[in-house]
Amino acid sequence: MKNDITALPIFRCFGYRTVDPSEKKFIFANADGSDETVTMRDIFTQTNRLSHALLKAGIGKGDCFTLLMRNHPEFLYALFAALSIGAVAVPVDPRSKGDKLAFQINNTASKGILVSDECVDSIREIESNVKNSKVIGVLYKKHHGILPFKEYPSLNEILEKENPGLPDKLTPYNPKNPVQIIHTSGTTGDPKGVVLTGDRLRAYGVLNKLVWRYKKGDIPYTGLSMTHGNAQSVTVFPALSKKGVMAVIGEKFTKSQIWDICRKYNCTTFSLLGGMMAGIFNEPPRPDDRENPVKTVISAGTPKAIWSEFEQRFNVKIFEWYAAVEGGLAYKRPGKGPVGSFGKPNPLMYRMRIVDEQDRKVPDGAKGELISKLTFGKTSVNYFGKKKASSDKTRGGWLRSGDICHRDRHGYLFFDYRVGGGLRRQGDFIQPDVIEKVIGKDESVSEVCVYGIPAASGAPGESDIVAAVSPFAGKTIDADRIMASCLKNLEKNAVPGYLQIVSEIPKTISEKPLSRLLKDSFRPDAENVIKF
């Protein structure tokens, strides 16, 4: 039993009865050009070592622990270890900091934190605000060149000493047991923690059979954070579930090097969010743009304006799709349906409708909220500690997306915008009040209103962010200081693209800012607008 590799719960999840220990499953491409190869044997031994380490740290069945790191093999081992001991991993976007980071740790009552060296400063800043959670270990990567932190245990040393065999307290795979909690972007308030059970991991494997259809010899790539449902559902678990498929995982996304990475590892497909595609397209053309091994780009939110040109320039086909961590799925295979559509639901998986505020179906071409329902089984969402929000999300047995869409007469679906006008950049929904709080701390700023304008990239539903500010009497807005503060205190996606200086922020009679008036007067080349 101790050395029975097929007994590892993550392998049981995908029905493995035999495992080739030497089979390569993942290559982690580091930011400095080096890489780390992960075999099935590595998954077995390192997952076991982390399982033992977590148990010794007092984390067992039902306990939560936080994962704060970029894409490293140890992230996967920790997630698989949660499945082994019945614990619940809480993957947190490595860009998170401040109140948002502290909230996600406290919200889930995490008992411990596994953090990589590049994220330790973010933990240090909020340690006094975190309840009942301590750093279990810091992961060090040689290419980062970061010296060890004396006040924290080294995860590298812990793993070197730990038992590579299966733990005595092994939890048999149960598809109904919680495995991880992934927080939403928190568009309208604090992020909600979506509880994902073991059957979700298995469903990601089924996605490959029904949707992605990776074949033996395919090599998918992602540079998206593994804390995001996209990386897990499109790349990590489909590759793990399919024999003969190896995935390449970038430490972080880099638009200038993505084609070089795909050439180096002979990747046949990669996954993107729409705004990223625009960034890649805006890179200077190269003579070898079409000379790459990629056949299909799996994208969520491809800008219609560059769709066809992107395919032509890079000699690829776009597989467009739509989903959310709470559920719902539609997709459009390359060459099928109209450019700009994210396709249709698979009738074996989901039914989808577009409805008005009274839940009445709207005519073709009309805009309404997209709602979805499982074809078989109950449609439900479990927001951690939020029963009412969970039931409201699936009112009437239908999952409420919060996305305004329309469909054409052939049933193809199109995204228009987010309910409430939430700001979205590169697939992440941004909370304006978080940005306003940071900018409002500047001594020169009297009032601030953050809003969005259509993204210059053309990505559907995405915005470029404008921060309109008015100064205190006798003060002058210091744009450089505000920019420095934003870069220090905000996640990269939340840093405004423009600063709009106005004498006062227009308001309604109830003192609510009138962002539409600011938007109407906004011009990128106006004298009162500074581009960051």
Protein backbone atom coordinates (compact mmCIF):
# COMPACT_ATOMS: atom_id res chain seq x y z
CA MET A 1 0.00 0.00 0.00
CA LYS A 2 2.79 2.44 0.93
CA ASN A 3 4.25 2.31 -2.56
CA ASP A 4 1.07 1.58 -4.52
CA ILE A 5 1.15 4.53 -6.89
CA THR A 6 -2.39 3.88 -8.15
CA ALA A 7 -3.72 4.33 -4.59
CA LEU A 8 -2.99 8.06 -4.68
CA PRO A 9 -6.43 9.76 -4.58
CA ILE A 10 -5.66 12.11 -7.49
CA PHE A 11 -5.03 9.03 -9.67
CA ARG A 12 -8.15 7.32 -8.30
CA CYS A 13 -10.07 10.47 -9.24
CA PHE A 14 -9.32 9.80 -12.90
CA GLY A 15 -9.75 6.03 -12.72
CA TYR A 16 -6.09 5.10 -13.17
CA ARG A 17 -5.60 1.35 -12.67
CA THR A 18 -2.05 1.34 -14.00
CA VAL A 19 0.45 4.19 -13.95
CA ASP A 20 3.73 4.49 -15.81
CA PRO A 21 5.88 6.23 -13.16
CA SER A 22 8.31 7.56 -15.77
CA GLU A 23 5.65 9.23 -17.93
CA LYS A 24 6.24 12.98 -18.16
CA LYS A 25 3.09 14.90 -17.27
CA PHE A 26 4.12 18.53 -16.86
CA ILE A 27 6.97 20.83 -17.76
CA PHE A 28 7.08 24.03 -15.71
CA ALA A 29 8.68 26.76 -17.80
CA ASN A 30 10.34 29.25 -15.47
CA ALA A 31 10.56 32.96 -16.14
CA ASP A 32 14.35 32.80 -16.60
CA GLY A 33 14.16 30.17 -19.36
CA SER A 34 14.92 27.17 -17.14
CA ASP A 35 12.36 24.44 -16.55
CA GLU A 36 11.30 21.62 -14.24
CA THR A 37 9.92 18.31 -15.49
CA VAL A 38 7.27 16.46 -13.46
CA THR A 39 6.70 12.74 -13.92
CA MET A 40 3.94 10.55 -12.53
CA ARG A 41 6.42 9.29 -9.92
CA ASP A 42 7.14 12.89 -8.88
CA ILE A 43 3.42 13.49 -8.42
CA PHE A 44 3.18 10.41 -6.20
CA THR A 45 6.19 11.07 -3.99
CA GLN A 46 5.94 14.84 -3.68
CA THR A 47 2.19 14.78 -3.05
CA ASN A 48 2.80 12.28 -0.25
CA ARG A 49 5.56 14.42 1.24
CA LEU A 50 3.32 17.46 1.30
CA SER A 51 0.51 15.38 2.78
CA HIS A 52 2.76 14.39 5.68
CA ALA A 53 3.92 18.01 6.11
CA LEU A 54 0.36 19.32 6.25
CA LEU A 55 -0.69 16.68 8.76
CA LYS A 56 2.27 17.53 11.01
CA ALA A 57 1.25 21.21 10.80
CA GLY A 58 -2.14 20.26 12.25
CA ILE A 59 -4.08 20.39 9.01
CA GLY A 60 -6.38 17.44 8.47
CA LYS A 61 -9.79 16.48 7.19
CA GLY A 62 -12.02 19.50 6.60
CA ASP A 63 -9.30 22.06 7.41
CA CYS A 64 -8.46 24.85 4.96
CA PHE A 65 -4.98 26.03 4.00
CA THR A 66 -3.96 28.85 1.67
CA LEU A 67 -1.78 28.47 -1.43
CA LEU A 68 -0.09 31.72 -2.45
CA MET A 69 2.42 31.14 -5.24
CA ARG A 70 2.93 31.43 -8.95
CA ASN A 71 2.89 28.36 -11.18
CA HIS A 72 5.33 25.93 -9.58
CA PRO A 73 5.13 22.12 -9.27
CA GLU A 74 4.62 22.45 -5.52
CA PHE A 75 1.29 24.17 -6.17
CA LEU A 76 0.00 20.99 -7.79
CA TYR A 77 1.47 18.74 -5.12
CA ALA A 78 -0.27 20.79 -2.42
CA LEU A 79 -3.60 20.67 -4.24
CA PHE A 80 -3.31 16.91 -4.71
CA ALA A 81 -2.27 16.55 -1.05
CA ALA A 82 -5.53 18.22 -0.01
CA LEU A 83 -7.36 15.45 -1.85
CA SER A 84 -5.20 12.85 -0.09
CA ILE A 85 -5.86 14.00 3.48
CA GLY A 86 -9.37 15.43 3.09
CA ALA A 87 -8.22 19.02 3.57
CA VAL A 88 -9.35 22.00 1.48
CA ALA A 89 -6.86 24.07 -0.51
CA VAL A 90 -7.55 27.79 -0.98
CA PRO A 91 -5.60 28.89 -4.08
CA VAL A 92 -5.15 32.68 -4.04
CA ASP A 93 -4.09 34.78 -7.02
CA PRO A 94 -0.37 35.51 -6.39
CA ARG A 95 -0.98 39.15 -7.31
CA SER A 96 -3.36 39.54 -4.34
CA LYS A 97 -2.29 41.83 -1.55
CA GLY A 98 -3.63 43.96 1.29
CA ASP A 99 -7.23 43.67 2.45
CA LYS A 100 -8.22 41.39 -0.42
CA LEU A 101 -5.54 38.84 0.47
CA ALA A 102 -6.35 38.97 4.19
CA PHE A 103 -10.05 38.55 3.47
CA GLN A 104 -9.55 35.36 1.48
CA ILE A 105 -7.43 33.83 4.25
CA ASN A 106 -9.82 34.86 7.02
CA ASN A 107 -12.98 34.09 5.07
CA THR A 108 -12.03 30.43 4.79
CA ALA A 109 -10.56 30.17 8.29
CA SER A 110 -7.33 28.91 6.77
CA LYS A 111 -5.14 27.22 9.37
CA GLY A 112 -1.93 27.52 7.40
CA ILE A 113 -0.24 29.18 4.42
CA LEU A 114 2.11 27.74 1.82
CA VAL A 115 3.80 30.65 0.07
CA SER A 116 6.54 30.99 -2.54
CA ASP A 117 9.41 33.39 -1.98
CA GLU A 118 8.15 35.98 -4.48
CA CYS A 119 4.90 36.42 -2.47
CA VAL A 120 6.29 36.58 1.08
CA ASP A 121 6.21 40.41 1.23
CA SER A 122 2.46 40.31 0.57
CA ILE A 123 2.01 37.96 3.54
CA ARG A 124 4.22 40.12 5.76
CA GLU A 125 2.05 43.17 5.09
CA ILE A 126 -1.15 41.51 6.33
CA GLU A 127 0.11 39.08 8.99
CA SER A 128 -1.29 41.17 11.84
CA ASN A 129 -4.73 41.09 10.20
CA VAL A 130 -4.83 37.33 9.65
CA LYS A 131 -6.54 35.23 12.29
CA ASN A 132 -5.40 31.77 13.35
CA SER A 133 -3.21 31.18 10.31
CA LYS A 134 0.55 30.79 10.15
CA VAL A 135 3.10 30.22 7.41
CA ILE A 136 3.75 26.48 7.18
CA GLY A 137 6.57 26.88 4.72
CA VAL A 138 8.17 29.19 2.15
CA LEU A 139 9.05 27.70 -1.22
CA TYR A 140 12.34 28.96 -2.66
CA LYS A 141 13.19 28.87 -6.35
CA LYS A 142 16.85 29.23 -7.27
CA HIS A 143 16.18 31.42 -10.30
CA HIS A 144 14.42 34.01 -8.10
CA GLY A 145 17.62 34.73 -6.20
CA ILE A 146 15.73 35.50 -2.97
CA LEU A 147 17.55 34.83 0.30
CA PRO A 148 15.77 32.66 2.92
CA PHE A 149 13.48 34.38 5.42
CA LYS A 150 14.70 33.36 8.88
CA GLU A 151 11.32 33.80 10.55
CA TYR A 152 9.59 31.19 8.39
CA PRO A 153 10.18 27.44 7.84
CA SER A 154 11.61 26.45 4.45
CA LEU A 155 9.21 24.29 2.44
CA ASN A 156 12.18 23.00 0.42
CA GLU A 157 13.79 21.59 3.58
CA ILE A 158 10.50 20.15 4.82
CA LEU A 159 9.94 18.27 1.57
CA GLU A 160 13.51 16.92 1.52
CA LYS A 161 12.98 15.25 4.92
CA GLU A 162 9.40 14.04 4.59
CA ASN A 163 8.19 10.48 4.03
CA PRO A 164 7.53 9.80 0.29
CA GLY A 165 5.05 7.02 1.08
CA LEU A 166 1.28 7.26 1.34
CA PRO A 167 0.13 8.72 4.67
CA ASP A 168 -1.60 6.52 7.26
CA LYS A 169 -4.48 9.02 7.37
CA LEU A 170 -5.13 8.68 3.64
CA THR A 171 -8.66 9.79 2.74
CA PRO A 172 -10.19 7.57 0.04
CA TYR A 173 -11.30 9.54 -3.00
CA ASN A 174 -14.86 10.82 -2.51
CA PRO A 175 -16.29 12.96 -5.32
CA LYS A 176 -18.50 14.84 -2.83
CA ASN A 177 -15.69 15.95 -0.50
CA PRO A 178 -14.61 19.61 -0.80
CA VAL A 179 -11.13 19.91 -2.33
CA GLN A 180 -10.59 23.61 -2.93
CA ILE A 181 -12.20 27.01 -2.55
CA ILE A 182 -11.65 29.46 -5.39
CA HIS A 183 -12.75 33.05 -4.76
CA THR A 184 -14.63 35.11 -7.31
CA SER A 185 -13.26 38.47 -8.43
CA GLY A 186 -15.55 40.34 -6.02
CA THR A 187 -17.11 42.71 -8.55
CA THR A 188 -19.88 44.02 -6.29
CA GLY A 189 -18.36 43.41 -2.86
CA ASP A 190 -16.06 41.04 -1.04
CA PRO A 191 -15.06 37.97 -3.11
CA LYS A 192 -17.16 34.86 -2.61
CA GLY A 193 -15.44 31.54 -2.05
CA VAL A 194 -16.76 28.88 -4.43
CA VAL A 195 -16.45 25.43 -2.85
CA LEU A 196 -15.35 22.83 -5.42
CA THR A 197 -15.67 19.14 -4.67
CA GLY A 198 -13.80 16.14 -6.03
CA ASP A 199 -16.31 15.57 -8.79
CA ARG A 200 -15.37 18.95 -10.28
CA LEU A 201 -11.81 17.69 -10.82
CA ARG A 202 -13.18 14.60 -12.52
CA ALA A 203 -15.49 16.80 -14.61
CA TYR A 204 -12.43 18.69 -15.87
CA GLY A 205 -11.16 15.35 -17.17
CA VAL A 206 -14.51 14.70 -18.88
CA LEU A 207 -14.21 18.12 -20.53
CA ASN A 208 -11.29 16.77 -22.52
CA LYS A 209 -13.39 13.92 -23.91
CA LEU A 210 -16.37 16.10 -24.82
CA VAL A 211 -14.84 19.50 -25.55
CA TRP A 212 -11.05 19.94 -25.90
CA ARG A 213 -10.40 16.45 -27.31
CA TYR A 214 -6.65 16.38 -26.71
CA LYS A 215 -5.11 13.36 -28.39
CA LYS A 216 -2.03 11.35 -27.53
CA GLY A 217 0.98 13.50 -28.42
CA ASP A 218 -0.80 16.84 -27.90
CA ILE A 219 1.05 19.34 -25.70
CA PRO A 220 -1.18 22.10 -24.29
CA TYR A 221 0.37 25.22 -22.77
CA THR A 222 -0.92 27.79 -20.29
CA GLY A 223 0.62 30.86 -18.70
CA LEU A 224 -2.53 31.57 -16.70
CA SER A 225 -2.29 31.18 -12.94
CA MET A 226 -3.32 27.75 -11.67
CA THR A 227 -5.39 29.60 -9.06
CA HIS A 228 -7.75 30.38 -11.98
CA GLY A 229 -10.41 27.92 -13.12
CA ASN A 230 -9.25 28.34 -16.71
CA ALA A 231 -5.78 26.87 -16.17
CA GLN A 232 -7.20 23.98 -14.19
CA SER A 233 -10.07 23.11 -16.54
CA VAL A 234 -8.36 23.63 -19.91
CA THR A 235 -4.81 22.50 -19.22
CA VAL A 236 -3.91 20.89 -15.88
CA PHE A 237 -6.61 18.30 -15.25
CA PRO A 238 -7.39 17.38 -18.86
CA ALA A 239 -3.67 16.62 -19.33
CA LEU A 240 -3.47 14.66 -16.09
CA SER A 241 -6.55 12.62 -16.99
CA LYS A 242 -5.34 11.61 -20.47
CA LYS A 243 -2.49 9.18 -20.97
CA GLY A 244 0.01 10.35 -23.55
CA VAL A 245 -0.70 14.07 -23.04
CA MET A 246 1.90 16.32 -21.41
CA ALA A 247 1.21 19.95 -20.49
CA VAL A 248 3.58 22.92 -20.34
CA ILE A 249 2.84 25.45 -17.60
CA GLY A 250 4.49 28.86 -17.61
CA GLU A 251 5.51 30.45 -14.33
CA LYS A 252 3.56 33.48 -15.50
CA PHE A 253 2.07 34.78 -18.72
CA THR A 254 4.37 36.63 -21.10
CA LYS A 255 2.93 37.92 -24.35
CA SER A 256 6.34 38.66 -25.89
CA GLN A 257 7.68 35.12 -25.39
CA ILE A 258 4.62 32.91 -25.80
CA TRP A 259 5.48 31.79 -29.33
CA ASP A 260 9.11 31.08 -28.39
CA ILE A 261 7.90 28.93 -25.48
CA CYS A 262 5.52 27.02 -27.75
CA ARG A 263 8.31 26.44 -30.29
CA LYS A 264 10.73 25.29 -27.59
CA TYR A 265 8.33 22.67 -26.20
CA ASN A 266 6.44 21.92 -29.43
CA CYS A 267 3.10 22.96 -27.92
CA THR A 268 0.10 22.19 -30.10
CA THR A 269 -2.39 24.47 -28.31
CA PHE A 270 -2.54 27.15 -25.63
CA SER A 271 -5.20 28.87 -23.55
CA LEU A 272 -5.90 32.60 -23.24
CA LEU A 273 -8.36 35.16 -21.96
CA GLY A 274 -9.44 37.70 -24.56
CA GLY A 275 -7.42 40.71 -23.42
CA MET A 276 -4.26 38.61 -23.54
CA MET A 277 -4.89 37.83 -27.18
CA ALA A 278 -4.96 41.52 -27.98
CA GLY A 279 -1.64 41.95 -26.19
CA ILE A 280 -0.05 39.19 -28.25
CA PHE A 281 -1.48 40.67 -31.43
CA ASN A 282 -0.06 44.10 -30.58
CA GLU A 283 3.49 42.75 -30.41
CA PRO A 284 5.60 43.83 -33.43
CA PRO A 285 5.22 41.38 -36.34
CA ARG A 286 8.04 38.88 -36.82
CA PRO A 287 9.05 36.99 -39.97
CA ASP A 288 8.47 33.68 -38.20
CA ASP A 289 4.99 34.47 -36.83
CA ARG A 290 3.41 31.66 -38.87
CA GLU A 291 6.20 29.20 -38.14
CA ASN A 292 5.00 27.62 -34.93
CA PRO A 293 3.61 24.21 -33.84
CA VAL A 294 0.35 25.62 -32.43
CA LYS A 295 -2.80 24.46 -34.21
CA THR A 296 -5.52 25.77 -31.90
CA VAL A 297 -5.80 28.70 -29.51
CA ILE A 298 -8.45 28.13 -26.83
CA SER A 299 -9.75 31.59 -25.96
CA ALA A 300 -12.46 33.14 -23.79
CA GLY A 301 -13.30 36.60 -25.07
CA THR A 302 -11.49 36.97 -28.40
CA PRO A 303 -11.84 40.55 -29.70
CA LYS A 304 -13.96 40.32 -32.83
CA ALA A 305 -11.90 43.05 -34.55
CA ILE A 306 -8.70 40.97 -34.55
CA TRP A 307 -10.16 37.43 -34.64
CA SER A 308 -9.60 36.63 -38.33
CA GLU A 309 -6.35 38.58 -38.59
CA PHE A 310 -4.95 36.75 -35.55
CA GLU A 311 -5.69 33.38 -37.15
CA GLN A 312 -4.11 34.44 -40.42
CA ARG A 313 -1.03 36.08 -38.93
CA PHE A 314 -0.10 33.16 -36.66
CA ASN A 315 -1.49 30.31 -38.78
CA VAL A 316 -3.81 29.07 -36.01
CA LYS A 317 -7.51 28.43 -35.45
CA ILE A 318 -9.45 29.90 -32.52
CA PHE A 319 -11.59 27.70 -30.27
CA GLU A 320 -13.87 30.15 -28.45
CA TRP A 321 -15.64 29.30 -25.20
CA TYR A 322 -17.45 30.72 -22.19
CA ALA A 323 -17.70 29.50 -18.58
CA ALA A 324 -17.52 30.58 -14.95
CA VAL A 325 -16.14 28.88 -11.86
CA GLU A 326 -19.70 28.55 -10.56
CA GLY A 327 -20.77 26.66 -13.68
CA GLY A 328 -22.18 27.10 -17.19
CA LEU A 329 -20.40 26.22 -20.42
CA ALA A 330 -20.71 27.06 -24.10
CA TYR A 331 -18.19 26.80 -26.90
CA LYS A 332 -17.61 27.19 -30.63
CA ARG A 333 -15.20 24.98 -32.49
CA PRO A 334 -12.84 26.52 -35.06
CA GLY A 335 -14.59 27.37 -38.32
CA LYS A 336 -18.07 26.89 -36.86
CA GLY A 337 -20.57 29.71 -36.50
CA PRO A 338 -20.04 33.48 -36.68
CA VAL A 339 -16.90 35.32 -35.60
CA GLY A 340 -17.54 37.06 -32.27
CA SER A 341 -19.76 34.34 -30.82
CA PHE A 342 -18.77 32.09 -27.92
CA GLY A 343 -20.92 29.35 -29.38
CA LYS A 344 -23.66 27.17 -27.93
CA PRO A 345 -24.00 24.88 -24.90
CA ASN A 346 -23.46 21.14 -25.29
CA PRO A 347 -26.97 19.67 -24.83
CA LEU A 348 -25.48 16.74 -22.90
CA MET A 349 -24.12 19.19 -20.33
CA TYR A 350 -26.06 22.45 -20.14
CA ARG A 351 -29.16 24.30 -21.26
CA MET A 352 -28.90 28.08 -21.65
CA ARG A 353 -31.42 30.89 -21.94
CA ILE A 354 -31.34 34.68 -22.22
CA VAL A 355 -34.02 36.29 -20.07
CA ASP A 356 -35.30 39.69 -18.99
CA GLU A 357 -35.67 40.87 -15.39
CA GLN A 358 -38.87 38.81 -15.03
CA ASP A 359 -37.13 35.65 -16.25
CA ARG A 360 -38.98 35.72 -19.57
CA LYS A 361 -37.07 34.54 -22.63
CA VAL A 362 -36.15 37.46 -24.87
CA PRO A 363 -36.37 37.37 -28.68
CA ASP A 364 -33.34 36.59 -30.83
CA GLY A 365 -31.09 39.63 -31.03
CA ALA A 366 -32.39 41.16 -27.81
CA LYS A 367 -30.11 41.55 -24.80
CA GLY A 368 -30.76 39.87 -21.48
CA GLU A 369 -29.08 37.94 -18.69
CA LEU A 370 -27.58 34.58 -19.59
CA ILE A 371 -28.77 31.80 -17.30
CA SER A 372 -27.89 28.11 -17.45
CA LYS A 373 -29.00 24.77 -16.06
CA LEU A 374 -27.45 21.33 -15.92
CA THR A 375 -29.11 18.96 -18.37
CA PHE A 376 -28.96 16.19 -15.79
CA GLY A 377 -28.91 16.69 -12.03
CA LYS A 378 -29.49 19.65 -9.75
CA THR A 379 -27.91 23.00 -10.56
CA SER A 380 -26.32 24.36 -7.41
CA VAL A 381 -23.55 26.65 -6.15
CA ASN A 382 -21.89 26.54 -2.75
CA TYR A 383 -20.44 29.88 -1.70
CA PHE A 384 -18.44 29.21 1.46
CA GLY A 385 -20.43 30.40 4.50
CA LYS A 386 -23.06 32.16 2.36
CA LYS A 387 -26.25 30.10 2.13
CA LYS A 388 -28.47 32.95 0.92
CA ALA A 389 -26.04 34.06 -1.78
CA SER A 390 -25.75 30.43 -2.87
CA SER A 391 -29.50 29.97 -3.20
CA ASP A 392 -29.95 33.38 -4.88
CA LYS A 393 -27.35 32.43 -7.50
CA THR A 394 -29.49 29.47 -8.60
CA ARG A 395 -32.94 30.95 -8.10
CA GLY A 396 -35.57 28.82 -9.79
CA GLY A 397 -33.03 26.09 -10.54
CA TRP A 398 -31.10 28.24 -13.04
CA LEU A 399 -27.58 29.59 -12.56
CA ARG A 400 -27.55 33.39 -12.84
CA SER A 401 -24.43 34.47 -14.73
CA GLY A 402 -24.68 38.23 -14.24
CA ASP A 403 -23.65 38.59 -17.89
CA ILE A 404 -25.75 40.41 -20.46
CA CYS A 405 -25.73 38.54 -23.77
CA HIS A 406 -27.76 37.99 -26.91
CA ARG A 407 -28.26 35.13 -29.36
CA ASP A 408 -28.76 35.11 -33.11
CA ARG A 409 -31.50 33.21 -34.94
CA HIS A 410 -29.24 30.16 -35.27
CA GLY A 411 -28.75 29.93 -31.50
CA TYR A 412 -25.19 31.29 -31.34
CA LEU A 413 -24.51 33.31 -28.18
CA PHE A 414 -22.66 36.64 -27.90
CA PHE A 415 -21.35 38.45 -24.80
CA ASP A 416 -22.30 42.13 -24.45
CA TYR A 417 -21.45 43.38 -20.95
CA ARG A 418 -21.54 42.59 -17.25
CA VAL A 419 -24.66 43.38 -15.21
CA GLY A 420 -24.03 46.63 -13.34
CA GLY A 421 -21.20 47.62 -15.66
CA GLY A 422 -18.46 45.92 -13.66
CA LEU A 423 -14.96 46.54 -14.96
CA ARG A 424 -13.24 43.53 -16.54
CA ARG A 425 -9.62 43.26 -17.62
CA GLN A 426 -8.00 40.08 -19.00
CA GLY A 427 -10.91 38.04 -17.67
CA ASP A 428 -10.75 39.47 -14.13
CA PHE A 429 -13.55 41.63 -12.76
CA ILE A 430 -12.16 44.70 -11.01
CA GLN A 431 -13.76 46.44 -8.03
CA PRO A 432 -13.73 50.25 -8.58
CA ASP A 433 -13.94 51.06 -4.87
CA VAL A 434 -10.63 49.26 -4.21
CA ILE A 435 -8.91 51.57 -6.70
CA GLU A 436 -10.76 54.62 -5.35
CA LYS A 437 -9.60 53.80 -1.85
CA VAL A 438 -5.92 53.77 -2.88
CA ILE A 439 -6.11 56.95 -4.95
CA GLY A 440 -8.24 58.72 -2.35
CA LYS A 441 -5.44 58.40 0.20
CA ASP A 442 -3.30 60.85 -1.79
CA GLU A 443 -3.11 64.21 -0.02
CA SER A 444 -4.03 66.14 -3.15
CA VAL A 445 -7.20 64.19 -3.99
CA SER A 446 -10.55 65.43 -2.77
CA GLU A 447 -12.78 63.05 -4.70
CA VAL A 448 -12.28 60.13 -7.08
CA CYS A 449 -14.55 58.16 -9.38
CA VAL A 450 -13.29 55.10 -11.24
CA TYR A 451 -15.09 53.91 -14.37
CA GLY A 452 -14.45 52.00 -17.55
CA ILE A 453 -14.28 52.83 -21.22
CA PRO A 454 -14.30 50.25 -24.03
CA ALA A 455 -10.94 48.48 -24.09
CA ALA A 456 -8.58 49.69 -26.79
CA SER A 457 -7.83 46.00 -27.39
CA GLY A 458 -11.42 45.45 -28.54
CA ALA A 459 -11.84 42.45 -26.22
CA PRO A 460 -15.60 41.87 -25.72
CA GLY A 461 -16.84 43.09 -22.35
CA GLU A 462 -13.41 44.34 -21.26
CA SER A 463 -12.58 47.88 -20.17
CA ASP A 464 -9.70 50.26 -19.89
CA ILE A 465 -9.84 51.95 -16.49
CA VAL A 466 -10.15 55.72 -15.98
CA ALA A 467 -9.74 57.37 -12.58
CA ALA A 468 -11.39 60.79 -12.48
CA VAL A 469 -10.02 62.93 -9.64
CA SER A 470 -10.77 66.38 -8.29
CA PRO A 471 -8.22 68.21 -6.11
CA PHE A 472 -8.65 69.88 -2.76
CA ALA A 473 -8.83 73.65 -2.96
CA GLY A 474 -5.35 75.06 -3.40
CA LYS A 475 -3.87 71.64 -4.18
CA THR A 476 -2.44 70.30 -7.43
CA ILE A 477 -2.88 66.68 -8.47
CA ASP A 478 0.46 64.86 -8.42
CA ALA A 479 -0.03 62.25 -11.15
CA ASP A 480 3.40 60.64 -10.68
CA ARG A 481 2.79 60.11 -6.97
CA ILE A 482 -0.67 58.64 -7.61
CA MET A 483 0.74 56.28 -10.21
CA ALA A 484 3.47 55.12 -7.83
CA SER A 485 0.86 54.46 -5.14
CA CYS A 486 -1.32 52.46 -7.55
CA LEU A 487 1.62 50.32 -8.66
CA LYS A 488 2.55 49.63 -5.04
CA ASN A 489 -0.90 48.92 -3.61
CA LEU A 490 -2.99 47.49 -6.44
CA GLU A 491 -2.87 44.30 -8.44
CA LYS A 492 -1.53 44.96 -11.92
CA ASN A 493 -4.92 44.48 -13.60
CA ALA A 494 -6.45 47.16 -11.37
CA VAL A 495 -3.97 49.96 -12.14
CA PRO A 496 -5.82 52.70 -14.11
CA GLY A 497 -4.79 53.44 -17.66
CA TYR A 498 -5.82 57.10 -17.48
CA LEU A 499 -6.07 59.88 -14.90
CA GLN A 500 -8.82 62.40 -15.69
CA ILE A 501 -8.45 65.64 -13.70
CA VAL A 502 -11.70 67.57 -13.17
CA SER A 503 -12.71 70.48 -10.94
CA GLU A 504 -15.43 68.38 -9.31
CA ILE A 505 -17.07 64.98 -9.62
CA PRO A 506 -20.64 65.36 -10.95
CA LYS A 507 -23.25 63.67 -8.73
CA THR A 508 -26.91 62.76 -8.58
CA ILE A 509 -29.24 64.34 -6.04
CA SER A 510 -28.45 61.41 -3.77
CA GLU A 511 -24.70 62.17 -4.02
CA LYS A 512 -23.88 59.25 -6.28
CA PRO A 513 -21.13 60.02 -8.83
CA LEU A 514 -22.38 60.37 -12.40
CA SER A 515 -19.72 58.36 -14.20
CA ARG A 516 -21.63 58.59 -17.48
CA LEU A 517 -21.02 62.37 -17.57
CA LEU A 518 -17.34 61.85 -16.93
CA LYS A 519 -17.28 59.20 -19.64
CA ASP A 520 -19.02 61.53 -22.09
CA SER A 521 -16.41 64.25 -21.56
CA PHE A 522 -13.44 61.86 -21.65
CA ARG A 523 -11.01 62.05 -24.56
CA PRO A 524 -7.64 60.23 -24.49
CA ASP A 525 -5.91 63.30 -25.95
CA ALA A 526 -7.68 65.90 -23.79
CA GLU A 527 -5.55 68.36 -21.84
CA ASN A 528 -6.99 67.16 -18.52
CA VAL A 529 -6.22 63.49 -19.23
CA ILE A 530 -2.92 61.85 -18.34
CA LYS A 531 -2.11 58.41 -19.73
CA PHE A 532 -0.37 56.14 -17.24
